[in-house]
Amino acid sequence: MGKIVLRLDRVMADRKMSLNELADRVGVSNVNLSKIKTGKISAVRFSTLEAICDALNCQPGDILEYDPNGQSDHED
């Protein structure tokens, strides 16, 4: 089964935006944003995704990528 890979770090680097600045713009804590950035989450609220895309001037597909060969951390 495939896996969704988060590419937030790449988009942030392209925009030269720090974690602190993005957290302020999005309105989430640095800790929660860091978990999103490192992929240590299992879900993202659409409102958070919308705020991230607004702050980074990007599309959800710039941040989220599907890896059909990836191994999920949540396998049974």
C-alpha atoms as a PDB file:
ATOM      1  CA  MET A   1       0.000   0.000   0.000  1.00  0.00           C
ATOM      2  CA  GLY A   2       1.201   3.489  -0.792  1.00  0.00           C
ATOM      3  CA  LYS A   3       1.864   6.387   1.516  1.00  0.00           C
ATOM      4  CA  ILE A   4       1.219  10.128   1.560  1.00  0.00           C
ATOM      5  CA  VAL A   5       4.505  12.027   1.877  1.00  0.00           C
ATOM      6  CA  LEU A   6       4.589  15.590   3.185  1.00  0.00           C
ATOM      7  CA  ARG A   7       6.855  18.002   1.313  1.00  0.00           C
ATOM      8  CA  LEU A   8       6.253  21.054   3.500  1.00  0.00           C
ATOM      9  CA  ASP A   9       9.967  21.452   4.216  1.00  0.00           C
ATOM     10  CA  ARG A  10      10.737  21.743   0.505  1.00  0.00           C
ATOM     11  CA  VAL A  11       8.049  24.364  -0.107  1.00  0.00           C
ATOM     12  CA  MET A  12       9.143  26.338   2.971  1.00  0.00           C
ATOM     13  CA  ALA A  13      12.743  26.304   1.741  1.00  0.00           C
ATOM     14  CA  ASP A  14      11.662  27.462  -1.735  1.00  0.00           C
ATOM     15  CA  ARG A  15       9.788  30.371  -0.120  1.00  0.00           C
ATOM     16  CA  LYS A  16      12.617  31.035   2.376  1.00  0.00           C
ATOM     17  CA  MET A  17      10.124  30.878   5.239  1.00  0.00           C
ATOM     18  CA  SER A  18      11.040  29.713   8.724  1.00  0.00           C
ATOM     19  CA  LEU A  19       8.972  27.388  10.869  1.00  0.00           C
ATOM     20  CA  ASN A  20       8.296  30.229  13.328  1.00  0.00           C
ATOM     21  CA  GLU A  21       7.101  32.588  10.604  1.00  0.00           C
ATOM     22  CA  LEU A  22       4.838  29.980   9.039  1.00  0.00           C
ATOM     23  CA  ALA A  23       3.413  28.999  12.438  1.00  0.00           C
ATOM     24  CA  ASP A  24       2.574  32.653  13.120  1.00  0.00           C
ATOM     25  CA  ARG A  25       0.913  33.089   9.727  1.00  0.00           C
ATOM     26  CA  VAL A  26      -1.047  29.836   9.953  1.00  0.00           C
ATOM     27  CA  GLY A  27      -2.035  30.218  13.597  1.00  0.00           C
ATOM     28  CA  VAL A  28      -0.763  26.864  14.844  1.00  0.00           C
ATOM     29  CA  SER A  29       1.933  26.068  17.369  1.00  0.00           C
ATOM     30  CA  ASN A  30       5.521  25.466  16.284  1.00  0.00           C
ATOM     31  CA  VAL A  31       5.258  21.948  17.731  1.00  0.00           C
ATOM     32  CA  ASN A  32       2.201  21.034  15.655  1.00  0.00           C
ATOM     33  CA  LEU A  33       3.631  22.596  12.509  1.00  0.00           C
ATOM     34  CA  SER A  34       6.897  20.744  13.074  1.00  0.00           C
ATOM     35  CA  LYS A  35       4.958  17.459  13.253  1.00  0.00           C
ATOM     36  CA  ILE A  36       3.325  18.291   9.931  1.00  0.00           C
ATOM     37  CA  LYS A  37       6.692  19.220   8.441  1.00  0.00           C
ATOM     38  CA  THR A  38       8.330  15.958   9.549  1.00  0.00           C
ATOM     39  CA  GLY A  39       5.342  13.794   8.616  1.00  0.00           C
ATOM     40  CA  LYS A  40       4.712  12.620  12.191  1.00  0.00           C
ATOM     41  CA  ILE A  41       0.954  13.062  11.837  1.00  0.00           C
ATOM     42  CA  SER A  42      -1.874  10.914  10.546  1.00  0.00           C
ATOM     43  CA  ALA A  43      -4.275  13.705   9.561  1.00  0.00           C
ATOM     44  CA  VAL A  44      -4.394  17.400   8.671  1.00  0.00           C
ATOM     45  CA  ARG A  45      -7.486  19.550   8.966  1.00  0.00           C
ATOM     46  CA  PHE A  46      -8.526  21.164   5.715  1.00  0.00           C
ATOM     47  CA  SER A  47      -8.588  24.540   7.485  1.00  0.00           C
ATOM     48  CA  THR A  48      -4.926  24.080   8.462  1.00  0.00           C
ATOM     49  CA  LEU A  49      -3.998  22.937   4.958  1.00  0.00           C
ATOM     50  CA  GLU A  50      -5.811  25.947   3.507  1.00  0.00           C
ATOM     51  CA  ALA A  51      -3.956  28.308   5.865  1.00  0.00           C
ATOM     52  CA  ILE A  52      -0.601  26.731   4.977  1.00  0.00           C
ATOM     53  CA  CYS A  53      -1.326  27.015   1.254  1.00  0.00           C
ATOM     54  CA  ASP A  54      -2.416  30.633   1.713  1.00  0.00           C
ATOM     55  CA  ALA A  55       0.729  31.529   3.684  1.00  0.00           C
ATOM     56  CA  LEU A  56       3.051  29.783   1.226  1.00  0.00           C
ATOM     57  CA  ASN A  57       1.091  30.750  -1.899  1.00  0.00           C
ATOM     58  CA  CYS A  58       0.981  27.138  -3.057  1.00  0.00           C
ATOM     59  CA  GLN A  59      -1.412  24.319  -3.896  1.00  0.00           C
ATOM     60  CA  PRO A  60      -2.063  21.256  -1.676  1.00  0.00           C
ATOM     61  CA  GLY A  61      -0.321  19.130  -4.311  1.00  0.00           C
ATOM     62  CA  ASP A  62       2.863  21.124  -3.703  1.00  0.00           C
ATOM     63  CA  ILE A  63       2.857  19.901  -0.095  1.00  0.00           C
ATOM     64  CA  LEU A  64       1.323  16.432  -0.387  1.00  0.00           C
ATOM     65  CA  GLU A  65       2.676  13.653  -2.567  1.00  0.00           C
ATOM     66  CA  TYR A  66       1.493  10.065  -3.004  1.00  0.00           C
ATOM     67  CA  ASP A  67       4.213   7.413  -3.025  1.00  0.00           C
ATOM     68  CA  PRO A  68       2.660   4.175  -4.334  1.00  0.00           C
ATOM     69  CA  ASN A  69       5.677   2.157  -3.136  1.00  0.00           C
ATOM     70  CA  GLY A  70       5.933   3.703   0.314  1.00  0.00           C
ATOM     71  CA  GLN A  71       5.381   1.721   3.460  1.00  0.00           C
ATOM     72  CA  SER A  72       2.805   3.110   5.859  1.00  0.00           C
ATOM     73  CA  ASP A  73       3.712   3.537   9.512  1.00  0.00           C
ATOM     74  CA  HIS A  74       0.212   2.334  10.352  1.00  0.00           C
ATOM     75  CA  GLU A  75       0.265  -1.153   8.847  1.00  0.00           C
ATOM     76  CA  ASP A  76      -1.769  -3.834  10.599  1.00  0.00           C
END
